[in-house]
Amino acid sequence: MDNSSFYISSIKIQNLFGHQQLQWNTFTDVNILGGINGSGKSTVLKSCYALLKDGFIADEKLAKLSDSIDIKFTNGYTFHWNKQKIESTEYQREEGFEYYLNSHSINQEGFLTLQKTQVLTDKGSFLPVKELLKQIHVYLINSFEQRILAQEKVQTGEGNDRTYLDYLIHEQIFKRNSHFTGIFEKLLNVIVHQPDLSQAIQKKEIQGFLLFYSSLQQFMEEYEIRIDNQIRLKRKGSADELSYEDLSMGEKQLILLLLMITNTAQAPCIFFMDEPDLGMHVEWKEKLIRQMRELNPHMQILLSTHAPSMIEGWQNRVKEVSQIITH
């Protein structure tokens, strides 16, 4: 991987749950976090995702679970976040920091709880947090909450009822189709002005488009998958066509995950995945990480799981939460 890109090299958390200190040194490809229920796996992943997506932790309950977080990158940059409790009359901004106040930042005693963030470069200078967020691409798969939300219906513009998970898949299909339309227009322009390059560009882009279907077929062997601007399937031996809305929750979860990775267009990025294997068969779990890496070999994965089958071939990338608690 290109170390000039933003890949996480370590995560340090002070006072996780009020008393634990955590140090997680990460690899630039695959990182698997294990641990018993309530050990902090989800808290670590969600907190880091929130900081790298928004620059602060908007979820007040999540923000209460730790006092400071340092995310270091392979290019020498460090994202620092911490909370500070002060009297409202003492509130003064410090140079190099950015601040966030939520709706309940002032308690009954008149104290403010500030979230402070800063980004230090490898040369010791400050980088505006917004500049970091523009350069880094982060995504979250949070299967458990998506499965709960999927029980609720979402009304679409056409008047049809979809589950929340269906809606997420629909969004990713639209994003994929929009990207491919842009590639097609670019290809037409190249054919006109640089015909010698058209074949190479066409081959690269079409292969990327088809890779999603070949990856999906690796899992859903009992289906014939139709390649078009939607996702249509037929069970082998059946004449009835199905859409992704007709599939099981585990199948939909798989499609959403593979679509999200496909839509990164193989660009460097970071995926936080909180139990992405929920609802999946053990044979799917054994090959899930390998297939994700084929879709985008430039992605860094930070993943939590309870499934031993998920770590097949990645045992040297596994850390238990108890192993990274320093004291």
C-alpha atoms as a PDB file:
ATOM      1  CA  MET A   1       0.000   0.000   0.000  1.00  0.00           C
ATOM      2  CA  ASP A   2       1.032   3.583  -0.600  1.00  0.00           C
ATOM      3  CA  ASN A   3       2.083   5.016   2.757  1.00  0.00           C
ATOM      4  CA  SER A   4       1.451   8.561   1.516  1.00  0.00           C
ATOM      5  CA  SER A   5      -2.260   7.760   1.839  1.00  0.00           C
ATOM      6  CA  PHE A   6      -4.146   7.841   5.116  1.00  0.00           C
ATOM      7  CA  TYR A   7      -3.981   4.341   6.572  1.00  0.00           C
ATOM      8  CA  ILE A   8      -4.216   3.896  10.316  1.00  0.00           C
ATOM      9  CA  SER A   9      -1.060   2.671  12.048  1.00  0.00           C
ATOM     10  CA  SER A  10      -2.333   2.789  15.642  1.00  0.00           C
ATOM     11  CA  ILE A  11      -5.298   3.690  17.827  1.00  0.00           C
ATOM     12  CA  LYS A  12      -4.816   4.823  21.411  1.00  0.00           C
ATOM     13  CA  ILE A  13      -7.764   5.378  23.756  1.00  0.00           C
ATOM     14  CA  GLN A  14      -7.573   6.797  27.264  1.00  0.00           C
ATOM     15  CA  ASN A  15     -10.122   5.844  29.927  1.00  0.00           C
ATOM     16  CA  LEU A  16     -12.249   3.575  27.780  1.00  0.00           C
ATOM     17  CA  PHE A  17     -15.324   2.922  29.952  1.00  0.00           C
ATOM     18  CA  GLY A  18     -13.733   5.232  32.507  1.00  0.00           C
ATOM     19  CA  HIS A  19     -10.757   3.063  33.491  1.00  0.00           C
ATOM     20  CA  GLN A  20      -9.129   1.166  30.593  1.00  0.00           C
ATOM     21  CA  GLN A  21      -6.188   2.310  28.451  1.00  0.00           C
ATOM     22  CA  LEU A  22      -6.089   0.784  24.959  1.00  0.00           C
ATOM     23  CA  GLN A  23      -3.300   0.640  22.370  1.00  0.00           C
ATOM     24  CA  TRP A  24      -4.057  -1.092  19.048  1.00  0.00           C
ATOM     25  CA  ASN A  25      -1.222  -1.218  16.511  1.00  0.00           C
ATOM     26  CA  THR A  26      -2.771  -1.928  13.133  1.00  0.00           C
ATOM     27  CA  PHE A  27      -1.772  -3.337   9.751  1.00  0.00           C
ATOM     28  CA  THR A  28      -2.521  -1.512   6.493  1.00  0.00           C
ATOM     29  CA  ASP A  29      -4.575  -4.393   5.101  1.00  0.00           C
ATOM     30  CA  VAL A  30      -6.645  -6.478   7.539  1.00  0.00           C
ATOM     31  CA  ASN A  31      -7.243  -6.065  11.274  1.00  0.00           C
ATOM     32  CA  ILE A  32      -9.627  -8.270  13.248  1.00  0.00           C
ATOM     33  CA  LEU A  33     -10.767  -7.375  16.745  1.00  0.00           C
ATOM     34  CA  GLY A  34     -12.221 -10.052  18.970  1.00  0.00           C
ATOM     35  CA  GLY A  35     -13.552 -10.076  22.503  1.00  0.00           C
ATOM     36  CA  ILE A  36     -16.499 -10.960  24.685  1.00  0.00           C
ATOM     37  CA  ASN A  37     -19.733  -9.016  24.522  1.00  0.00           C
ATOM     38  CA  GLY A  38     -19.341  -5.601  26.130  1.00  0.00           C
ATOM     39  CA  SER A  39     -15.551  -5.609  25.836  1.00  0.00           C
ATOM     40  CA  GLY A  40     -15.513  -2.448  23.702  1.00  0.00           C
ATOM     41  CA  LYS A  41     -15.147  -3.670  20.108  1.00  0.00           C
ATOM     42  CA  SER A  42     -18.066  -1.662  18.763  1.00  0.00           C
ATOM     43  CA  THR A  43     -17.128   1.390  20.827  1.00  0.00           C
ATOM     44  CA  VAL A  44     -13.609   1.462  19.368  1.00  0.00           C
ATOM     45  CA  LEU A  45     -14.786   1.094  15.761  1.00  0.00           C
ATOM     46  CA  LYS A  46     -17.728   3.496  15.966  1.00  0.00           C
ATOM     47  CA  SER A  47     -15.753   6.176  17.811  1.00  0.00           C
ATOM     48  CA  CYS A  48     -12.890   6.153  15.307  1.00  0.00           C
ATOM     49  CA  TYR A  49     -15.281   6.139  12.355  1.00  0.00           C
ATOM     50  CA  ALA A  50     -17.212   9.116  13.759  1.00  0.00           C
ATOM     51  CA  LEU A  51     -14.014  11.116  14.271  1.00  0.00           C
ATOM     52  CA  LEU A  52     -12.647  10.421  10.790  1.00  0.00           C
ATOM     53  CA  LYS A  53     -15.999  11.072   9.121  1.00  0.00           C
ATOM     54  CA  ASP A  54     -17.251  14.154  11.004  1.00  0.00           C
ATOM     55  CA  GLY A  55     -14.287  15.350  13.066  1.00  0.00           C
ATOM     56  CA  PHE A  56     -16.123  14.792  16.367  1.00  0.00           C
ATOM     57  CA  ILE A  57     -18.462  12.288  18.067  1.00  0.00           C
ATOM     58  CA  ALA A  58     -22.020  13.552  17.718  1.00  0.00           C
ATOM     59  CA  ASP A  59     -23.534  10.577  19.555  1.00  0.00           C
ATOM     60  CA  GLU A  60     -23.545  11.778  23.181  1.00  0.00           C
ATOM     61  CA  LYS A  61     -23.705   8.257  24.635  1.00  0.00           C
ATOM     62  CA  LEU A  62     -20.747   7.163  22.521  1.00  0.00           C
ATOM     63  CA  ALA A  63     -18.746  10.282  23.412  1.00  0.00           C
ATOM     64  CA  LYS A  64     -19.117   9.498  27.116  1.00  0.00           C
ATOM     65  CA  LEU A  65     -17.380   6.122  26.796  1.00  0.00           C
ATOM     66  CA  SER A  66     -13.810   7.466  26.493  1.00  0.00           C
ATOM     67  CA  ASP A  67     -11.810  10.568  27.414  1.00  0.00           C
ATOM     68  CA  SER A  68      -9.301  10.868  24.569  1.00  0.00           C
ATOM     69  CA  ILE A  69      -8.448   9.129  21.293  1.00  0.00           C
ATOM     70  CA  ASP A  70      -5.282   9.354  19.194  1.00  0.00           C
ATOM     71  CA  ILE A  71      -5.402   7.939  15.665  1.00  0.00           C
ATOM     72  CA  LYS A  72      -1.977   7.774  14.046  1.00  0.00           C
ATOM     73  CA  PHE A  73      -1.461   7.283  10.315  1.00  0.00           C
ATOM     74  CA  THR A  74       1.291   5.671   8.279  1.00  0.00           C
ATOM     75  CA  ASN A  75       2.253   9.064   6.823  1.00  0.00           C
ATOM     76  CA  GLY A  76       3.122  10.414  10.269  1.00  0.00           C
ATOM     77  CA  TYR A  77      -0.052  12.446  10.861  1.00  0.00           C
ATOM     78  CA  THR A  78      -1.984  12.153  14.146  1.00  0.00           C
ATOM     79  CA  PHE A  79      -5.659  12.914  14.756  1.00  0.00           C
ATOM     80  CA  HIS A  80      -6.165  13.824  18.423  1.00  0.00           C
ATOM     81  CA  TRP A  81      -9.545  14.060  20.187  1.00  0.00           C
ATOM     82  CA  ASN A  82     -10.280  14.674  23.827  1.00  0.00           C
ATOM     83  CA  LYS A  83     -12.944  16.021  26.144  1.00  0.00           C
ATOM     84  CA  GLN A  84     -12.503  18.901  28.536  1.00  0.00           C
ATOM     85  CA  LYS A  85     -14.832  19.882  31.368  1.00  0.00           C
ATOM     86  CA  ILE A  86     -14.613  23.563  32.357  1.00  0.00           C
ATOM     87  CA  GLU A  87     -16.777  26.308  33.784  1.00  0.00           C
ATOM     88  CA  SER A  88     -18.633  28.159  31.044  1.00  0.00           C
ATOM     89  CA  THR A  89     -17.031  31.459  32.089  1.00  0.00           C
ATOM     90  CA  GLU A  90     -13.551  29.974  31.462  1.00  0.00           C
ATOM     91  CA  TYR A  91     -14.240  28.900  27.896  1.00  0.00           C
ATOM     92  CA  GLN A  92     -11.414  30.146  25.678  1.00  0.00           C
ATOM     93  CA  ARG A  93     -10.319  28.696  22.367  1.00  0.00           C
ATOM     94  CA  GLU A  94      -6.749  27.457  21.981  1.00  0.00           C
ATOM     95  CA  GLU A  95      -4.767  27.798  18.790  1.00  0.00           C
ATOM     96  CA  GLY A  96      -4.546  24.613  16.748  1.00  0.00           C
ATOM     97  CA  PHE A  97      -7.735  23.083  18.196  1.00  0.00           C
ATOM     98  CA  GLU A  98     -11.242  22.814  16.839  1.00  0.00           C
ATOM     99  CA  TYR A  99     -14.215  22.527  19.174  1.00  0.00           C
ATOM    100  CA  TYR A 100     -17.582  20.833  19.262  1.00  0.00           C
ATOM    101  CA  LEU A 101     -20.443  21.463  21.705  1.00  0.00           C
ATOM    102  CA  ASN A 102     -23.510  19.243  21.649  1.00  0.00           C
ATOM    103  CA  SER A 103     -26.960  20.178  22.858  1.00  0.00           C
ATOM    104  CA  HIS A 104     -26.323  18.929  26.395  1.00  0.00           C
ATOM    105  CA  SER A 105     -22.777  20.230  26.825  1.00  0.00           C
ATOM    106  CA  ILE A 106     -23.709  22.492  29.793  1.00  0.00           C
ATOM    107  CA  ASN A 107     -24.773  20.668  32.945  1.00  0.00           C
ATOM    108  CA  GLN A 108     -26.839  22.005  35.837  1.00  0.00           C
ATOM    109  CA  GLU A 109     -23.728  23.242  37.641  1.00  0.00           C
ATOM    110  CA  GLY A 110     -22.761  25.403  34.660  1.00  0.00           C
ATOM    111  CA  PHE A 111     -19.883  23.237  33.435  1.00  0.00           C
ATOM    112  CA  LEU A 112     -19.168  22.759  29.736  1.00  0.00           C
ATOM    113  CA  THR A 113     -18.024  19.480  28.233  1.00  0.00           C
ATOM    114  CA  LEU A 114     -16.028  20.372  25.125  1.00  0.00           C
ATOM    115  CA  GLN A 115     -14.824  18.044  22.425  1.00  0.00           C
ATOM    116  CA  LYS A 116     -11.434  19.261  21.181  1.00  0.00           C
ATOM    117  CA  THR A 117      -9.728  18.000  18.043  1.00  0.00           C
ATOM    118  CA  GLN A 118      -6.486  18.711  16.242  1.00  0.00           C
ATOM    119  CA  VAL A 119      -4.375  17.131  13.515  1.00  0.00           C
ATOM    120  CA  LEU A 120      -0.593  17.162  13.805  1.00  0.00           C
ATOM    121  CA  THR A 121       1.502  16.541  10.687  1.00  0.00           C
ATOM    122  CA  ASP A 122       4.758  14.578  10.569  1.00  0.00           C
ATOM    123  CA  LYS A 123       6.598  17.927  10.736  1.00  0.00           C
ATOM    124  CA  GLY A 124       4.827  19.020  13.932  1.00  0.00           C
ATOM    125  CA  SER A 125       2.595  21.612  12.276  1.00  0.00           C
ATOM    126  CA  PHE A 126      -1.188  21.741  12.467  1.00  0.00           C
ATOM    127  CA  LEU A 127      -3.512  20.638   9.675  1.00  0.00           C
ATOM    128  CA  PRO A 128      -7.133  21.848   9.797  1.00  0.00           C
ATOM    129  CA  VAL A 129      -9.394  18.930  10.679  1.00  0.00           C
ATOM    130  CA  LYS A 130     -11.591  19.652   7.645  1.00  0.00           C
ATOM    131  CA  GLU A 131      -8.553  19.295   5.383  1.00  0.00           C
ATOM    132  CA  LEU A 132      -7.874  15.840   6.795  1.00  0.00           C
ATOM    133  CA  LEU A 133     -11.486  14.786   6.323  1.00  0.00           C
ATOM    134  CA  LYS A 134     -11.324  15.823   2.658  1.00  0.00           C
ATOM    135  CA  GLN A 135      -8.339  13.567   2.060  1.00  0.00           C
ATOM    136  CA  ILE A 136      -9.478  10.469   3.903  1.00  0.00           C
ATOM    137  CA  HIS A 137     -12.231   8.078   2.808  1.00  0.00           C
ATOM    138  CA  VAL A 138     -13.919   6.093   5.575  1.00  0.00           C
ATOM    139  CA  TYR A 139     -16.928   3.779   5.606  1.00  0.00           C
ATOM    140  CA  LEU A 140     -18.881   1.899   8.263  1.00  0.00           C
ATOM    141  CA  ILE A 141     -20.702  -1.409   8.060  1.00  0.00           C
ATOM    142  CA  ASN A 142     -22.715  -1.879  11.242  1.00  0.00           C
ATOM    143  CA  SER A 143     -24.619  -5.061  10.570  1.00  0.00           C
ATOM    144  CA  PHE A 144     -26.452  -5.491  13.827  1.00  0.00           C
ATOM    145  CA  GLU A 145     -28.095  -2.072  13.777  1.00  0.00           C
ATOM    146  CA  GLN A 146     -28.847  -2.360  10.056  1.00  0.00           C
ATOM    147  CA  ARG A 147     -30.617  -5.668  10.709  1.00  0.00           C
ATOM    148  CA  ILE A 148     -32.725  -4.078  13.446  1.00  0.00           C
ATOM    149  CA  LEU A 149     -33.585  -1.071  11.293  1.00  0.00           C
ATOM    150  CA  ALA A 150     -34.416  -3.382   8.416  1.00  0.00           C
ATOM    151  CA  GLN A 151     -37.559  -4.413  10.276  1.00  0.00           C
ATOM    152  CA  GLU A 152     -38.943  -0.900   9.768  1.00  0.00           C
ATOM    153  CA  LYS A 153     -40.409   0.109   6.427  1.00  0.00           C
ATOM    154  CA  VAL A 154     -39.118   3.025   4.396  1.00  0.00           C
ATOM    155  CA  GLN A 155     -41.519   4.728   2.011  1.00  0.00           C
ATOM    156  CA  THR A 156     -39.958   5.347  -1.396  1.00  0.00           C
ATOM    157  CA  GLY A 157     -40.868   7.978  -3.945  1.00  0.00           C
ATOM    158  CA  GLU A 158     -42.714   5.426  -6.059  1.00  0.00           C
ATOM    159  CA  GLY A 159     -45.065   4.573  -3.210  1.00  0.00           C
ATOM    160  CA  ASN A 160     -43.507   1.166  -2.646  1.00  0.00           C
ATOM    161  CA  ASP A 161     -42.531  -0.113   0.774  1.00  0.00           C
ATOM    162  CA  ARG A 162     -38.912  -1.085   1.274  1.00  0.00           C
ATOM    163  CA  THR A 163     -37.019  -2.122   4.352  1.00  0.00           C
ATOM    164  CA  TYR A 164     -34.186   0.116   5.495  1.00  0.00           C
ATOM    165  CA  LEU A 165     -31.669  -2.439   4.255  1.00  0.00           C
ATOM    166  CA  ASP A 166     -33.363  -2.439   0.834  1.00  0.00           C
ATOM    167  CA  TYR A 167     -33.078   1.337   0.799  1.00  0.00           C
ATOM    168  CA  LEU A 168     -29.327   1.178   1.541  1.00  0.00           C
ATOM    169  CA  ILE A 169     -28.818  -1.296  -1.305  1.00  0.00           C
ATOM    170  CA  HIS A 170     -30.860   0.906  -3.650  1.00  0.00           C
ATOM    171  CA  GLU A 171     -28.599   3.862  -2.790  1.00  0.00           C
ATOM    172  CA  GLN A 172     -25.461   1.853  -3.532  1.00  0.00           C
ATOM    173  CA  ILE A 173     -26.857   0.588  -6.863  1.00  0.00           C
ATOM    174  CA  PHE A 174     -27.658   4.171  -7.862  1.00  0.00           C
ATOM    175  CA  LYS A 175     -24.136   5.249  -6.896  1.00  0.00           C
ATOM    176  CA  ARG A 176     -22.603   2.406  -8.902  1.00  0.00           C
ATOM    177  CA  ASN A 177     -24.732   3.156 -11.963  1.00  0.00           C
ATOM    178  CA  SER A 178     -23.917   6.867 -11.779  1.00  0.00           C
ATOM    179  CA  HIS A 179     -20.209   6.084 -11.613  1.00  0.00           C
ATOM    180  CA  PHE A 180     -20.413   3.734 -14.575  1.00  0.00           C
ATOM    181  CA  THR A 181     -22.355   6.307 -16.598  1.00  0.00           C
ATOM    182  CA  GLY A 182     -19.576   8.794 -15.936  1.00  0.00           C
ATOM    183  CA  ILE A 183     -16.983   6.245 -17.027  1.00  0.00           C
ATOM    184  CA  PHE A 184     -18.934   5.577 -20.232  1.00  0.00           C
ATOM    185  CA  GLU A 185     -19.041   9.297 -21.079  1.00  0.00           C
ATOM    186  CA  LYS A 186     -15.324   9.580 -20.363  1.00  0.00           C
ATOM    187  CA  LEU A 187     -14.672   6.579 -22.582  1.00  0.00           C
ATOM    188  CA  LEU A 188     -16.599   8.127 -25.481  1.00  0.00           C
ATOM    189  CA  ASN A 189     -14.503  11.270 -25.188  1.00  0.00           C
ATOM    190  CA  VAL A 190     -11.290   9.233 -25.187  1.00  0.00           C
ATOM    191  CA  ILE A 191     -12.387   7.208 -28.203  1.00  0.00           C
ATOM    192  CA  VAL A 192     -12.856  10.442 -30.154  1.00  0.00           C
ATOM    193  CA  HIS A 193      -9.650  12.158 -29.091  1.00  0.00           C
ATOM    194  CA  GLN A 194      -7.284   9.349 -28.060  1.00  0.00           C
ATOM    195  CA  PRO A 195      -8.410   6.116 -29.730  1.00  0.00           C
ATOM    196  CA  ASP A 196      -5.146   4.377 -28.860  1.00  0.00           C
ATOM    197  CA  LEU A 197      -6.073   4.533 -25.152  1.00  0.00           C
ATOM    198  CA  SER A 198      -9.716   3.519 -25.419  1.00  0.00           C
ATOM    199  CA  GLN A 199      -9.163  -0.227 -25.326  1.00  0.00           C
ATOM    200  CA  ALA A 200      -7.069  -0.114 -22.152  1.00  0.00           C
ATOM    201  CA  ILE A 201      -9.526   2.165 -20.330  1.00  0.00           C
ATOM    202  CA  GLN A 202     -12.504   0.130 -21.458  1.00  0.00           C
ATOM    203  CA  LYS A 203     -10.934  -3.116 -20.271  1.00  0.00           C
ATOM    204  CA  LYS A 204     -10.003  -1.740 -16.839  1.00  0.00           C
ATOM    205  CA  GLU A 205     -13.375  -0.161 -16.113  1.00  0.00           C
ATOM    206  CA  ILE A 206     -15.492  -3.025 -17.398  1.00  0.00           C
ATOM    207  CA  GLN A 207     -13.436  -5.537 -15.439  1.00  0.00           C
ATOM    208  CA  GLY A 208     -14.023  -3.488 -12.303  1.00  0.00           C
ATOM    209  CA  PHE A 209     -17.761  -3.453 -13.024  1.00  0.00           C
ATOM    210  CA  LEU A 210     -17.903  -7.216 -13.579  1.00  0.00           C
ATOM    211  CA  LEU A 211     -15.807  -8.039 -10.535  1.00  0.00           C
ATOM    212  CA  PHE A 212     -18.787  -7.326  -8.285  1.00  0.00           C
ATOM    213  CA  TYR A 213     -20.864  -9.979 -10.059  1.00  0.00           C
ATOM    214  CA  SER A 214     -18.119 -12.592 -10.010  1.00  0.00           C
ATOM    215  CA  SER A 215     -17.582 -11.953  -6.281  1.00  0.00           C
ATOM    216  CA  LEU A 216     -21.312 -12.212  -5.586  1.00  0.00           C
ATOM    217  CA  GLN A 217     -21.503 -15.449  -7.586  1.00  0.00           C
ATOM    218  CA  GLN A 218     -18.757 -16.927  -5.386  1.00  0.00           C
ATOM    219  CA  PHE A 219     -21.209 -16.779  -2.481  1.00  0.00           C
ATOM    220  CA  MET A 220     -24.618 -17.227  -4.103  1.00  0.00           C
ATOM    221  CA  GLU A 221     -23.870 -20.340  -6.127  1.00  0.00           C
ATOM    222  CA  GLU A 222     -27.506 -21.494  -6.180  1.00  0.00           C
ATOM    223  CA  TYR A 223     -28.511 -18.419  -8.206  1.00  0.00           C
ATOM    224  CA  GLU A 224     -28.000 -17.275 -11.758  1.00  0.00           C
ATOM    225  CA  ILE A 225     -27.155 -13.584 -11.496  1.00  0.00           C
ATOM    226  CA  ARG A 226     -28.154 -11.241 -14.296  1.00  0.00           C
ATOM    227  CA  ILE A 227     -25.784  -8.395 -15.124  1.00  0.00           C
ATOM    228  CA  ASP A 228     -27.551  -5.083 -15.732  1.00  0.00           C
ATOM    229  CA  ASN A 229     -28.287  -1.813 -13.967  1.00  0.00           C
ATOM    230  CA  GLN A 230     -30.145  -3.633 -11.201  1.00  0.00           C
ATOM    231  CA  ILE A 231     -29.508  -6.887  -9.330  1.00  0.00           C
ATOM    232  CA  ARG A 232     -31.698  -9.673 -10.664  1.00  0.00           C
ATOM    233  CA  LEU A 233     -31.408 -13.334  -9.814  1.00  0.00           C
ATOM    234  CA  LYS A 234     -32.990 -16.676 -10.625  1.00  0.00           C
ATOM    235  CA  ARG A 235     -32.679 -19.847  -8.618  1.00  0.00           C
ATOM    236  CA  LYS A 236     -31.135 -22.505 -10.804  1.00  0.00           C
ATOM    237  CA  GLY A 237     -33.905 -24.630 -12.253  1.00  0.00           C
ATOM    238  CA  SER A 238     -36.557 -21.943 -11.729  1.00  0.00           C
ATOM    239  CA  ALA A 239     -38.040 -19.582 -14.311  1.00  0.00           C
ATOM    240  CA  ASP A 240     -39.022 -16.952 -11.733  1.00  0.00           C
ATOM    241  CA  GLU A 241     -36.836 -13.850 -11.543  1.00  0.00           C
ATOM    242  CA  LEU A 242     -36.064 -12.333  -8.148  1.00  0.00           C
ATOM    243  CA  SER A 243     -34.823  -8.930  -7.055  1.00  0.00           C
ATOM    244  CA  TYR A 244     -32.583  -8.263  -4.077  1.00  0.00           C
ATOM    245  CA  GLU A 245     -35.724  -7.257  -2.139  1.00  0.00           C
ATOM    246  CA  ASP A 246     -36.853 -10.904  -2.234  1.00  0.00           C
ATOM    247  CA  LEU A 247     -33.702 -12.237  -0.573  1.00  0.00           C
ATOM    248  CA  SER A 248     -32.945 -13.139   3.026  1.00  0.00           C
ATOM    249  CA  MET A 249     -31.454 -10.654   5.469  1.00  0.00           C
ATOM    250  CA  GLY A 250     -28.018 -12.295   5.312  1.00  0.00           C
ATOM    251  CA  GLU A 251     -28.034 -12.220   1.503  1.00  0.00           C
ATOM    252  CA  LYS A 252     -29.001  -8.551   1.476  1.00  0.00           C
ATOM    253  CA  GLN A 253     -26.258  -7.776   3.988  1.00  0.00           C
ATOM    254  CA  LEU A 254     -23.723  -9.455   1.713  1.00  0.00           C
ATOM    255  CA  ILE A 255     -24.927  -7.514  -1.364  1.00  0.00           C
ATOM    256  CA  LEU A 256     -24.751  -4.207   0.515  1.00  0.00           C
ATOM    257  CA  LEU A 257     -21.218  -4.917   1.717  1.00  0.00           C
ATOM    258  CA  LEU A 258     -19.920  -5.950  -1.720  1.00  0.00           C
ATOM    259  CA  LEU A 259     -21.618  -2.954  -3.387  1.00  0.00           C
ATOM    260  CA  MET A 260     -20.101  -0.501  -0.913  1.00  0.00           C
ATOM    261  CA  ILE A 261     -16.634  -1.893  -1.558  1.00  0.00           C
ATOM    262  CA  THR A 262     -17.203  -1.925  -5.324  1.00  0.00           C
ATOM    263  CA  ASN A 263     -18.202   1.738  -5.177  1.00  0.00           C
ATOM    264  CA  THR A 264     -14.819   2.695  -3.739  1.00  0.00           C
ATOM    265  CA  ALA A 265     -13.521   2.108  -7.301  1.00  0.00           C
ATOM    266  CA  GLN A 266     -10.455   0.405  -5.779  1.00  0.00           C
ATOM    267  CA  ALA A 267      -9.277   3.703  -4.276  1.00  0.00           C
ATOM    268  CA  PRO A 268      -7.416   3.766  -0.929  1.00  0.00           C
ATOM    269  CA  CYS A 269      -9.925   3.833   1.933  1.00  0.00           C
ATOM    270  CA  ILE A 270     -10.645   2.617   5.449  1.00  0.00           C
ATOM    271  CA  PHE A 271     -13.576   0.331   6.285  1.00  0.00           C
ATOM    272  CA  PHE A 272     -14.784  -0.042   9.860  1.00  0.00           C
ATOM    273  CA  MET A 273     -16.866  -3.219  10.034  1.00  0.00           C
ATOM    274  CA  ASP A 274     -18.790  -4.121  13.171  1.00  0.00           C
ATOM    275  CA  GLU A 275     -19.722  -7.804  12.835  1.00  0.00           C
ATOM    276  CA  PRO A 276     -20.320  -7.707   9.058  1.00  0.00           C
ATOM    277  CA  ASP A 277     -20.864 -11.482   9.026  1.00  0.00           C
ATOM    278  CA  LEU A 278     -24.120 -11.504  11.001  1.00  0.00           C
ATOM    279  CA  GLY A 279     -26.712 -13.694   9.323  1.00  0.00           C
ATOM    280  CA  MET A 280     -24.162 -15.323   6.997  1.00  0.00           C
ATOM    281  CA  HIS A 281     -23.445 -19.031   6.613  1.00  0.00           C
ATOM    282  CA  VAL A 282     -20.152 -20.332   7.989  1.00  0.00           C
ATOM    283  CA  GLU A 283     -18.873 -21.055   4.439  1.00  0.00           C
ATOM    284  CA  TRP A 284     -19.499 -17.419   3.479  1.00  0.00           C
ATOM    285  CA  LYS A 285     -17.617 -16.217   6.532  1.00  0.00           C
ATOM    286  CA  GLU A 286     -14.546 -18.265   5.600  1.00  0.00           C
ATOM    287  CA  LYS A 287     -14.108 -16.468   2.265  1.00  0.00           C
ATOM    288  CA  LEU A 288     -15.598 -13.044   3.053  1.00  0.00           C
ATOM    289  CA  ILE A 289     -12.364 -11.168   3.796  1.00  0.00           C
ATOM    290  CA  ARG A 290     -10.605 -12.645   0.763  1.00  0.00           C
ATOM    291  CA  GLN A 291     -13.427 -11.602  -1.565  1.00  0.00           C
ATOM    292  CA  MET A 292     -13.568  -8.114  -0.067  1.00  0.00           C
ATOM    293  CA  ARG A 293      -9.846  -7.724  -0.651  1.00  0.00           C
ATOM    294  CA  GLU A 294     -10.232  -8.819  -4.275  1.00  0.00           C
ATOM    295  CA  LEU A 295     -12.817  -6.089  -4.831  1.00  0.00           C
ATOM    296  CA  ASN A 296     -10.451  -3.459  -3.422  1.00  0.00           C
ATOM    297  CA  PRO A 297      -6.892  -4.505  -2.502  1.00  0.00           C
ATOM    298  CA  HIS A 298      -6.195  -0.897  -1.433  1.00  0.00           C
ATOM    299  CA  MET A 299      -8.707  -0.857   1.430  1.00  0.00           C
ATOM    300  CA  GLN A 300      -7.754  -1.092   5.080  1.00  0.00           C
ATOM    301  CA  ILE A 301     -10.181  -3.210   7.085  1.00  0.00           C
ATOM    302  CA  LEU A 302     -10.787  -2.856  10.831  1.00  0.00           C
ATOM    303  CA  LEU A 303     -13.309  -5.527  11.669  1.00  0.00           C
ATOM    304  CA  SER A 304     -14.929  -7.026  14.770  1.00  0.00           C
ATOM    305  CA  THR A 305     -16.373 -10.523  14.886  1.00  0.00           C
ATOM    306  CA  HIS A 306     -17.317 -13.385  17.162  1.00  0.00           C
ATOM    307  CA  ALA A 307     -16.936 -15.992  14.387  1.00  0.00           C
ATOM    308  CA  PRO A 308     -13.778 -18.168  14.369  1.00  0.00           C
ATOM    309  CA  SER A 309     -14.441 -18.949  10.693  1.00  0.00           C
ATOM    310  CA  MET A 310     -13.937 -15.273   9.783  1.00  0.00           C
ATOM    311  CA  ILE A 311     -10.264 -15.349  10.750  1.00  0.00           C
ATOM    312  CA  GLU A 312      -9.416 -18.287   8.457  1.00  0.00           C
ATOM    313  CA  GLY A 313      -6.081 -17.360   6.860  1.00  0.00           C
ATOM    314  CA  TRP A 314      -5.801 -14.129   8.878  1.00  0.00           C
ATOM    315  CA  GLN A 315      -4.817 -15.456  12.304  1.00  0.00           C
ATOM    316  CA  ASN A 316      -1.792 -13.149  12.492  1.00  0.00           C
ATOM    317  CA  ARG A 317      -4.099 -10.144  12.088  1.00  0.00           C
ATOM    318  CA  VAL A 318      -6.290 -10.950  15.095  1.00  0.00           C
ATOM    319  CA  LYS A 319      -6.216  -9.114  18.408  1.00  0.00           C
ATOM    320  CA  GLU A 320      -8.449  -9.694  21.415  1.00  0.00           C
ATOM    321  CA  VAL A 321      -9.504  -6.542  23.219  1.00  0.00           C
ATOM    322  CA  SER A 322      -7.897  -7.984  26.359  1.00  0.00           C
ATOM    323  CA  GLN A 323      -4.546  -8.110  24.488  1.00  0.00           C
ATOM    324  CA  ILE A 324      -4.543  -4.406  23.639  1.00  0.00           C
ATOM    325  CA  ILE A 325      -5.635  -3.100  27.036  1.00  0.00           C
ATOM    326  CA  THR A 326      -2.372  -1.732  28.444  1.00  0.00           C
ATOM    327  CA  HIS A 327      -3.484  -1.242  32.072  1.00  0.00           C
END
